């Protein structure tokens, strides 16, 4: 017959506490959502037409300052509201120079972070392919 002594009870209590603590420690942890579910980049640089790729980028990131009706007030009189305006800025190198934050050009978008590399690549490909109205 096992004799219950204070030391046996303390030992059993300690083992039980350690086991429960182990379960609690193992079950409580913080996962980083970005690590568990990484965002897969959907950068498709094969589409670089004006209507499907360039205009949506300009609409989202540029036209708040460079629309034709506000360009003189906010956009340094650089207009990007119509294709001919965009073509002019693309042909003189200001579009790629500005969004690429190249030396000698005003970094755009002003007061915001640089465009994603994918968007810059799409614009650069469109410009180097002739900046067509397609």
N, C-alpha and C. Protein backbone atom coordinates (compact mmCIF):
# COMPACT_ATOMS: atom_id res chain seq x y z
N UNK A 1 0.83 -1.16 0.00
CA UNK A 1 0.00 0.00 0.00
C UNK A 1 0.88 1.24 0.00
N UNK A 2 0.47 2.22 -0.79
CA UNK A 2 1.28 3.42 -0.91
C UNK A 2 0.91 4.37 0.23
N UNK A 3 1.95 4.81 0.86
CA UNK A 3 1.77 5.73 1.96
C UNK A 3 1.75 7.15 1.42
N UNK A 4 0.74 7.89 1.74
CA UNK A 4 0.65 9.28 1.30
C UNK A 4 1.39 10.14 2.29
N UNK A 5 2.45 10.65 1.80
CA UNK A 5 3.22 11.55 2.64
C UNK A 5 3.15 12.94 2.03
N UNK A 6 3.53 13.88 2.76
CA UNK A 6 3.50 15.26 2.28
C UNK A 6 4.39 15.45 1.07
N UNK A 7 5.53 14.76 1.04
CA UNK A 7 6.44 14.89 -0.10
C UNK A 7 5.85 14.26 -1.35
N UNK A 8 5.14 13.13 -1.21
CA UNK A 8 4.50 12.51 -2.37
C UNK A 8 3.41 13.42 -2.93
N UNK A 9 2.62 14.01 -2.07
CA UNK A 9 1.54 14.90 -2.51
C UNK A 9 2.13 16.15 -3.17
N UNK A 10 3.18 16.68 -2.63
CA UNK A 10 3.84 17.84 -3.24
C UNK A 10 4.41 17.50 -4.61
N UNK A 11 5.00 16.31 -4.74
CA UNK A 11 5.58 15.88 -6.01
C UNK A 11 4.49 15.71 -7.06
N UNK A 12 3.40 15.06 -6.69
CA UNK A 12 2.28 14.85 -7.63
C UNK A 12 1.67 16.19 -8.01
N UNK A 13 1.51 17.09 -7.07
CA UNK A 13 0.97 18.42 -7.35
C UNK A 13 1.88 19.18 -8.31
N UNK A 14 3.18 19.06 -8.10
CA UNK A 14 4.13 19.73 -8.97
C UNK A 14 4.06 19.18 -10.39
N UNK A 15 3.96 17.87 -10.53
CA UNK A 15 3.85 17.25 -11.86
C UNK A 15 2.58 17.70 -12.55
N UNK A 16 1.48 17.72 -11.83
CA UNK A 16 0.21 18.15 -12.42
C UNK A 16 0.29 19.62 -12.86
N UNK A 17 0.86 20.46 -12.03
CA UNK A 17 1.01 21.88 -12.38
C UNK A 17 1.89 22.05 -13.61
N UNK A 18 2.98 21.28 -13.69
CA UNK A 18 3.87 21.36 -14.86
C UNK A 18 3.17 20.90 -16.13
N UNK A 19 2.39 19.83 -16.04
CA UNK A 19 1.68 19.32 -17.21
C UNK A 19 0.64 20.36 -17.68
N UNK A 20 -0.13 20.89 -16.75
CA UNK A 20 -1.13 21.89 -17.11
C UNK A 20 -0.46 23.14 -17.68
N UNK A 21 0.64 23.57 -17.07
CA UNK A 21 1.37 24.73 -17.58
C UNK A 21 1.89 24.48 -18.99
N UNK A 22 2.36 23.27 -19.23
CA UNK A 22 2.84 22.92 -20.57
C UNK A 22 1.74 23.01 -21.60
N UNK A 23 0.56 22.51 -21.26
CA UNK A 23 -0.57 22.60 -22.19
C UNK A 23 -0.96 24.06 -22.43
N UNK A 24 -1.00 24.85 -21.38
CA UNK A 24 -1.36 26.26 -21.52
C UNK A 24 -0.32 26.99 -22.36
N UNK A 25 0.95 26.75 -22.07
CA UNK A 25 2.02 27.42 -22.82
C UNK A 25 1.99 27.02 -24.28
N UNK A 26 1.76 25.75 -24.55
CA UNK A 26 1.76 25.25 -25.92
C UNK A 26 0.56 25.77 -26.71
N UNK A 27 -0.58 25.95 -26.05
CA UNK A 27 -1.79 26.35 -26.77
C UNK A 27 -1.90 27.86 -26.94
N UNK A 28 -1.16 28.63 -26.19
CA UNK A 28 -1.25 30.09 -26.28
C UNK A 28 -0.02 30.65 -26.98
N UNK A 29 -0.19 31.04 -28.20
CA UNK A 29 0.90 31.68 -28.93
C UNK A 29 0.29 32.63 -29.95
N UNK A 30 1.09 33.54 -30.43
CA UNK A 30 0.63 34.53 -31.39
C UNK A 30 1.19 34.20 -32.76
N UNK A 31 0.31 34.12 -33.73
CA UNK A 31 0.74 33.90 -35.10
C UNK A 31 0.71 35.22 -35.85
N UNK A 32 1.64 35.37 -36.74
CA UNK A 32 1.68 36.53 -37.59
C UNK A 32 0.87 36.19 -38.84
N UNK A 33 -0.21 36.93 -39.09
CA UNK A 33 -1.09 36.63 -40.22
C UNK A 33 -0.35 36.67 -41.55
N UNK A 34 0.56 37.64 -41.70
CA UNK A 34 1.31 37.74 -42.94
C UNK A 34 2.21 36.53 -43.15
N UNK A 35 2.68 35.96 -42.06
CA UNK A 35 3.54 34.77 -42.15
C UNK A 35 2.70 33.54 -42.49
N UNK A 36 1.54 33.43 -41.86
CA UNK A 36 0.69 32.27 -42.10
C UNK A 36 0.00 32.31 -43.46
N UNK A 37 -0.42 33.50 -43.85
CA UNK A 37 -1.15 33.66 -45.09
C UNK A 37 -0.50 34.74 -45.94
N UNK A 38 0.63 34.44 -46.54
CA UNK A 38 1.32 35.48 -47.31
C UNK A 38 0.49 35.91 -48.52
N UNK A 39 0.56 37.21 -48.80
CA UNK A 39 -0.14 37.73 -49.97
C UNK A 39 0.68 37.40 -51.20
N UNK A 40 0.04 36.77 -52.12
CA UNK A 40 0.71 36.42 -53.36
C UNK A 40 0.54 37.59 -54.32
N UNK A 41 1.64 38.10 -54.77
CA UNK A 41 1.61 39.26 -55.64
C UNK A 41 0.94 38.90 -56.97
N UNK A 42 0.03 39.75 -57.36
CA UNK A 42 -0.68 39.56 -58.62
C UNK A 42 -0.20 40.58 -59.65
N UNK A 43 1.10 40.69 -59.78
CA UNK A 43 1.67 41.67 -60.69
C UNK A 43 1.77 41.06 -62.08
N UNK A 44 0.95 41.55 -62.96
CA UNK A 44 0.98 41.08 -64.34
C UNK A 44 1.51 42.21 -65.21
N UNK A 45 2.79 42.13 -65.54
CA UNK A 45 3.39 43.18 -66.36
C UNK A 45 3.22 42.91 -67.85
N UNK A 46 2.49 41.86 -68.19
CA UNK A 46 2.26 41.59 -69.61
C UNK A 46 1.15 42.48 -70.16
N UNK A 47 0.33 43.04 -69.27
CA UNK A 47 -0.73 43.96 -69.70
C UNK A 47 -0.26 45.37 -69.37
N UNK A 48 0.04 46.12 -70.41
CA UNK A 48 0.49 47.50 -70.19
C UNK A 48 -0.11 48.43 -71.23
N UNK A 49 -1.40 48.22 -71.49
CA UNK A 49 -2.11 49.13 -72.40
C UNK A 49 -2.58 50.34 -71.62
N UNK A 50 -2.81 51.42 -72.34
CA UNK A 50 -3.25 52.66 -71.69
C UNK A 50 -4.57 52.46 -70.96
N UNK A 51 -5.56 51.89 -71.65
CA UNK A 51 -6.90 51.79 -71.06
C UNK A 51 -6.98 50.77 -69.92
N UNK A 52 -6.28 49.66 -70.04
CA UNK A 52 -6.39 48.59 -69.03
C UNK A 52 -5.43 48.75 -67.86
N UNK A 53 -4.30 49.39 -68.06
CA UNK A 53 -3.30 49.43 -66.99
C UNK A 53 -2.90 50.85 -66.59
N UNK A 54 -2.57 51.67 -67.56
CA UNK A 54 -2.01 53.00 -67.25
C UNK A 54 -3.07 53.93 -66.68
N UNK A 55 -4.20 54.05 -67.34
CA UNK A 55 -5.25 54.96 -66.87
C UNK A 55 -5.72 54.61 -65.47
N UNK A 56 -5.96 53.34 -65.13
CA UNK A 56 -6.35 53.04 -63.74
C UNK A 56 -5.29 53.43 -62.70
N UNK A 57 -4.03 53.27 -63.03
CA UNK A 57 -2.97 53.68 -62.11
C UNK A 57 -2.99 55.20 -61.94
N UNK A 58 -3.08 55.92 -63.04
CA UNK A 58 -3.12 57.38 -62.98
C UNK A 58 -4.36 57.86 -62.22
N UNK A 59 -5.49 57.22 -62.48
CA UNK A 59 -6.73 57.60 -61.78
C UNK A 59 -6.58 57.42 -60.27
N UNK A 60 -5.94 56.35 -59.86
CA UNK A 60 -5.82 56.05 -58.43
C UNK A 60 -4.77 56.90 -57.71
N UNK A 61 -3.66 57.17 -58.38
CA UNK A 61 -2.53 57.78 -57.69
C UNK A 61 -2.19 59.20 -58.12
N UNK A 62 -2.66 59.65 -59.27
CA UNK A 62 -2.18 60.92 -59.81
C UNK A 62 -3.23 62.00 -59.99
N UNK A 63 -4.44 61.61 -60.30
CA UNK A 63 -5.42 62.61 -60.72
C UNK A 63 -5.96 63.48 -59.60
N UNK A 64 -5.71 63.14 -58.37
CA UNK A 64 -6.17 64.03 -57.30
C UNK A 64 -5.44 65.38 -57.40
N UNK A 65 -4.24 65.37 -57.94
CA UNK A 65 -3.47 66.62 -58.12
C UNK A 65 -3.29 66.99 -59.60
N UNK A 66 -3.28 66.00 -60.48
CA UNK A 66 -2.93 66.26 -61.88
C UNK A 66 -4.10 66.15 -62.84
N UNK A 67 -5.34 66.15 -62.33
CA UNK A 67 -6.50 66.23 -63.23
C UNK A 67 -6.46 67.61 -63.88
N UNK A 68 -6.98 67.71 -65.06
CA UNK A 68 -6.85 68.96 -65.82
C UNK A 68 -7.47 70.17 -65.12
N UNK A 69 -8.50 69.95 -64.29
CA UNK A 69 -9.15 71.09 -63.64
C UNK A 69 -8.42 71.54 -62.37
N UNK A 70 -7.51 70.76 -61.82
CA UNK A 70 -6.79 71.15 -60.60
C UNK A 70 -5.28 71.20 -60.78
N UNK A 71 -4.80 70.84 -61.95
CA UNK A 71 -3.35 70.75 -62.17
C UNK A 71 -2.63 72.07 -61.97
N UNK A 72 -3.27 73.17 -62.31
CA UNK A 72 -2.60 74.47 -62.13
C UNK A 72 -2.48 74.83 -60.65
N UNK A 73 -3.40 74.36 -59.82
CA UNK A 73 -3.35 74.66 -58.39
C UNK A 73 -2.49 73.69 -57.60
N UNK A 74 -2.63 72.39 -57.87
CA UNK A 74 -1.98 71.37 -57.05
C UNK A 74 -0.87 70.59 -57.74
N UNK A 75 -0.92 70.50 -59.05
CA UNK A 75 -0.02 69.60 -59.76
C UNK A 75 1.08 70.24 -60.54
N UNK A 76 1.47 71.45 -60.18
CA UNK A 76 2.56 72.10 -60.91
C UNK A 76 2.26 72.28 -62.38
N UNK A 77 1.00 72.38 -62.72
CA UNK A 77 0.51 72.53 -64.09
C UNK A 77 0.85 71.33 -64.98
N UNK A 78 1.15 70.18 -64.37
CA UNK A 78 1.35 68.94 -65.13
C UNK A 78 0.00 68.24 -65.18
N UNK A 79 -0.55 68.13 -66.37
CA UNK A 79 -1.88 67.57 -66.54
C UNK A 79 -1.79 66.11 -67.00
N UNK A 80 -2.60 65.27 -66.36
CA UNK A 80 -2.64 63.86 -66.70
C UNK A 80 -4.07 63.36 -66.89
N UNK A 81 -4.98 64.27 -67.18
CA UNK A 81 -6.39 63.91 -67.27
C UNK A 81 -6.80 63.28 -68.58
N UNK A 82 -6.08 63.53 -69.66
CA UNK A 82 -6.44 62.97 -70.96
C UNK A 82 -5.23 62.25 -71.55
N UNK A 83 -5.49 61.40 -72.52
CA UNK A 83 -4.39 60.67 -73.15
C UNK A 83 -3.34 61.61 -73.75
N UNK A 84 -3.73 62.66 -74.52
CA UNK A 84 -2.70 63.54 -75.08
C UNK A 84 -1.81 64.18 -74.01
N UNK A 85 -2.40 64.53 -72.87
CA UNK A 85 -1.60 65.10 -71.78
C UNK A 85 -0.61 64.08 -71.24
N UNK A 86 -1.08 62.86 -71.04
CA UNK A 86 -0.21 61.80 -70.51
C UNK A 86 0.88 61.47 -71.52
N UNK A 87 0.53 61.43 -72.78
CA UNK A 87 1.50 61.13 -73.85
C UNK A 87 2.62 62.17 -73.85
N UNK A 88 2.28 63.44 -73.67
CA UNK A 88 3.29 64.50 -73.64
C UNK A 88 4.28 64.28 -72.49
N UNK A 89 3.76 63.99 -71.30
CA UNK A 89 4.61 63.79 -70.13
C UNK A 89 5.41 62.49 -70.25
N UNK A 90 4.82 61.49 -70.88
CA UNK A 90 5.53 60.23 -71.09
C UNK A 90 6.68 60.43 -72.08
N UNK A 91 6.41 61.15 -73.16
CA UNK A 91 7.43 61.35 -74.20
C UNK A 91 8.61 62.21 -73.73
N UNK A 92 8.36 63.18 -72.83
CA UNK A 92 9.47 64.02 -72.39
C UNK A 92 10.23 63.42 -71.20
N UNK A 93 9.83 62.23 -70.76
CA UNK A 93 10.56 61.52 -69.71
C UNK A 93 10.15 61.85 -68.29
N UNK A 94 9.26 62.84 -68.11
CA UNK A 94 8.89 63.24 -66.77
C UNK A 94 8.06 62.18 -66.04
N UNK A 95 7.25 61.44 -66.76
CA UNK A 95 6.39 60.44 -66.11
C UNK A 95 7.24 59.37 -65.44
N UNK A 96 8.10 58.73 -66.18
CA UNK A 96 8.94 57.66 -65.63
C UNK A 96 9.94 58.22 -64.63
N UNK A 97 10.51 59.37 -64.92
CA UNK A 97 11.48 59.97 -64.00
C UNK A 97 10.87 60.31 -62.65
N UNK A 98 9.65 60.83 -62.67
CA UNK A 98 8.99 61.23 -61.42
C UNK A 98 8.53 60.04 -60.60
N UNK A 99 7.87 59.08 -61.23
CA UNK A 99 7.38 57.94 -60.45
C UNK A 99 8.52 57.01 -60.04
N UNK A 100 9.63 57.06 -60.77
CA UNK A 100 10.79 56.25 -60.40
C UNK A 100 11.71 56.94 -59.41
N UNK A 101 11.35 58.15 -59.00
CA UNK A 101 12.14 58.95 -58.04
C UNK A 101 13.58 59.11 -58.51
N UNK A 102 13.74 59.38 -59.80
CA UNK A 102 15.07 59.55 -60.37
C UNK A 102 15.59 60.96 -60.08
N UNK A 103 16.90 61.09 -60.03
CA UNK A 103 17.52 62.41 -59.80
C UNK A 103 17.10 63.38 -60.88
N UNK A 104 16.84 64.61 -60.49
CA UNK A 104 16.46 65.65 -61.44
C UNK A 104 14.96 65.73 -61.69
N UNK A 105 14.18 64.85 -61.08
CA UNK A 105 12.74 64.86 -61.25
C UNK A 105 12.07 64.99 -59.89
N UNK A 106 10.92 65.61 -59.88
CA UNK A 106 10.14 65.74 -58.65
C UNK A 106 9.51 64.38 -58.34
N UNK A 107 9.85 63.82 -57.19
CA UNK A 107 9.36 62.48 -56.81
C UNK A 107 7.84 62.49 -56.65
N UNK A 108 7.20 61.56 -57.32
CA UNK A 108 5.74 61.45 -57.28
C UNK A 108 5.34 60.05 -56.84
N UNK A 109 4.21 59.92 -56.22
CA UNK A 109 3.28 60.96 -55.81
C UNK A 109 3.82 61.75 -54.63
N UNK A 110 3.65 63.05 -54.71
CA UNK A 110 4.19 63.96 -53.69
C UNK A 110 3.48 63.73 -52.37
N UNK A 111 4.27 63.67 -51.31
CA UNK A 111 3.72 63.48 -49.98
C UNK A 111 3.22 62.08 -49.70
N UNK A 112 3.58 61.15 -50.55
CA UNK A 112 3.14 59.76 -50.39
C UNK A 112 4.32 58.85 -50.71
N UNK A 113 4.15 57.59 -50.42
CA UNK A 113 5.24 56.65 -50.71
C UNK A 113 5.30 56.36 -52.21
N UNK A 114 6.44 55.87 -52.63
CA UNK A 114 6.69 55.53 -54.02
C UNK A 114 5.70 54.44 -54.46
N UNK A 115 5.30 54.49 -55.71
CA UNK A 115 4.43 53.45 -56.25
C UNK A 115 5.10 52.09 -56.13
N UNK A 116 4.29 51.05 -56.10
CA UNK A 116 4.83 49.69 -56.08
C UNK A 116 5.67 49.46 -57.33
N UNK A 117 6.69 48.64 -57.18
CA UNK A 117 7.58 48.34 -58.30
C UNK A 117 6.85 47.81 -59.51
N UNK A 118 5.81 47.02 -59.29
CA UNK A 118 5.03 46.46 -60.39
C UNK A 118 4.38 47.57 -61.21
N UNK A 119 3.80 48.55 -60.55
CA UNK A 119 3.13 49.65 -61.26
C UNK A 119 4.15 50.48 -62.03
N UNK A 120 5.30 50.70 -61.44
CA UNK A 120 6.35 51.45 -62.14
C UNK A 120 6.81 50.68 -63.38
N UNK A 121 6.97 49.37 -63.23
CA UNK A 121 7.38 48.54 -64.37
C UNK A 121 6.35 48.60 -65.49
N UNK A 122 5.08 48.54 -65.14
CA UNK A 122 4.01 48.59 -66.14
C UNK A 122 4.07 49.92 -66.89
N UNK A 123 4.20 51.02 -66.16
CA UNK A 123 4.27 52.34 -66.81
C UNK A 123 5.52 52.45 -67.67
N UNK A 124 6.64 51.99 -67.15
CA UNK A 124 7.90 52.04 -67.91
C UNK A 124 7.77 51.23 -69.21
N UNK A 125 7.17 50.04 -69.15
CA UNK A 125 7.00 49.22 -70.36
C UNK A 125 6.08 49.92 -71.36
N UNK A 126 5.04 50.56 -70.87
CA UNK A 126 4.12 51.26 -71.76
C UNK A 126 4.85 52.41 -72.47
N UNK A 127 5.63 53.16 -71.71
CA UNK A 127 6.36 54.30 -72.29
C UNK A 127 7.38 53.81 -73.31
N UNK A 128 8.17 52.79 -72.97
CA UNK A 128 9.21 52.31 -73.88
C UNK A 128 8.62 51.63 -75.12
N UNK A 129 7.36 51.19 -75.03
CA UNK A 129 6.74 50.59 -76.22
C UNK A 129 6.04 51.62 -77.10
N UNK A 130 6.21 52.91 -76.76
CA UNK A 130 5.67 53.97 -77.62
C UNK A 130 4.54 54.75 -77.00
N UNK A 131 4.12 54.42 -75.79
CA UNK A 131 3.03 55.12 -75.09
C UNK A 131 1.79 55.23 -75.98
N UNK A 132 1.35 54.10 -76.47
CA UNK A 132 0.22 54.07 -77.40
C UNK A 132 -1.10 54.26 -76.68
N UNK A 133 -2.08 54.80 -77.41
CA UNK A 133 -3.43 54.96 -76.88
C UNK A 133 -4.22 53.69 -77.20
N UNK A 134 -3.92 52.65 -76.45
CA UNK A 134 -4.56 51.35 -76.71
C UNK A 134 -5.34 50.87 -75.51
